[in-house]
Amino acid sequence: MLRDNDALIDGTDLFAKVRQQVRLNAEQTPQYQNIRMAGHEVGGDFLFVRRR
């Protein structure tokens, strides 16, 4: 998935693309949300850019 990405992709979009496969292959239901009590500001996200 990330290898085929030619643009900027954020963590929310990546999560949306892999969520169903994780649900089908694990006993847990994945969630994408802020980690409580982590000591960081609310509202940040990961950004993924393919290196060339």
Protein backbone atom coordinates (compact mmCIF):
# COMPACT_ATOMS: atom_id res chain seq x y z
CA MET A 1 0.00 0.00 0.00
CA LEU A 2 2.63 2.56 0.99
CA ARG A 3 4.97 1.41 -1.78
CA ASP A 4 2.33 2.18 -4.39
CA ASN A 5 1.52 5.60 -2.95
CA ASP A 6 2.69 8.48 -5.15
CA ALA A 7 1.19 11.27 -3.07
CA LEU A 8 1.03 12.42 0.51
CA ILE A 9 -1.11 10.15 2.67
CA ASP A 10 -2.04 10.87 6.27
CA GLY A 11 -2.60 8.38 9.07
CA THR A 12 -6.37 8.70 8.87
CA ASP A 13 -6.42 7.73 5.18
CA LEU A 14 -3.97 4.88 5.72
CA PHE A 15 -6.06 3.55 8.60
CA ALA A 16 -9.19 3.63 6.46
CA LYS A 17 -7.44 1.53 3.80
CA VAL A 18 -6.13 -1.18 6.15
CA ARG A 19 -8.88 -1.27 8.79
CA GLN A 20 -11.02 -3.98 7.20
CA GLN A 21 -8.09 -6.36 6.64
CA VAL A 22 -7.05 -5.96 10.27
CA ARG A 23 -10.61 -6.62 11.47
CA LEU A 24 -10.78 -9.80 9.40
CA ASN A 25 -7.43 -11.14 10.62
CA ALA A 26 -7.34 -10.17 14.30
CA GLU A 27 -9.43 -10.63 17.40
CA GLN A 28 -9.43 -6.88 18.01
CA THR A 29 -11.27 -4.04 16.34
CA PRO A 30 -8.78 -1.31 15.41
CA GLN A 31 -9.47 2.29 16.33
CA TYR A 32 -7.72 5.45 15.18
CA GLN A 33 -7.84 8.12 17.83
CA ASN A 34 -5.70 10.22 20.14
CA ILE A 35 -3.73 8.31 22.76
CA ARG A 36 -4.90 9.49 26.15
CA MET A 37 -2.33 10.69 28.69
CA ALA A 38 0.46 10.61 26.06
CA GLY A 39 1.65 14.15 26.74
CA HIS A 40 1.18 15.48 23.22
CA GLU A 41 -1.11 18.06 21.70
CA VAL A 42 -4.49 16.90 20.42
CA GLY A 43 -5.05 17.06 16.67
CA GLY A 44 -1.74 15.89 15.20
CA ASP A 45 -1.44 13.18 12.59
CA PHE A 46 1.22 11.13 10.83
CA LEU A 47 2.12 11.98 7.25
CA PHE A 48 3.59 9.42 4.86
CA VAL A 49 5.54 10.37 1.74
CA ARG A 50 7.29 7.82 -0.44
CA ARG A 51 11.02 8.34 -0.81
CA ARG A 52 12.40 8.17 -4.29
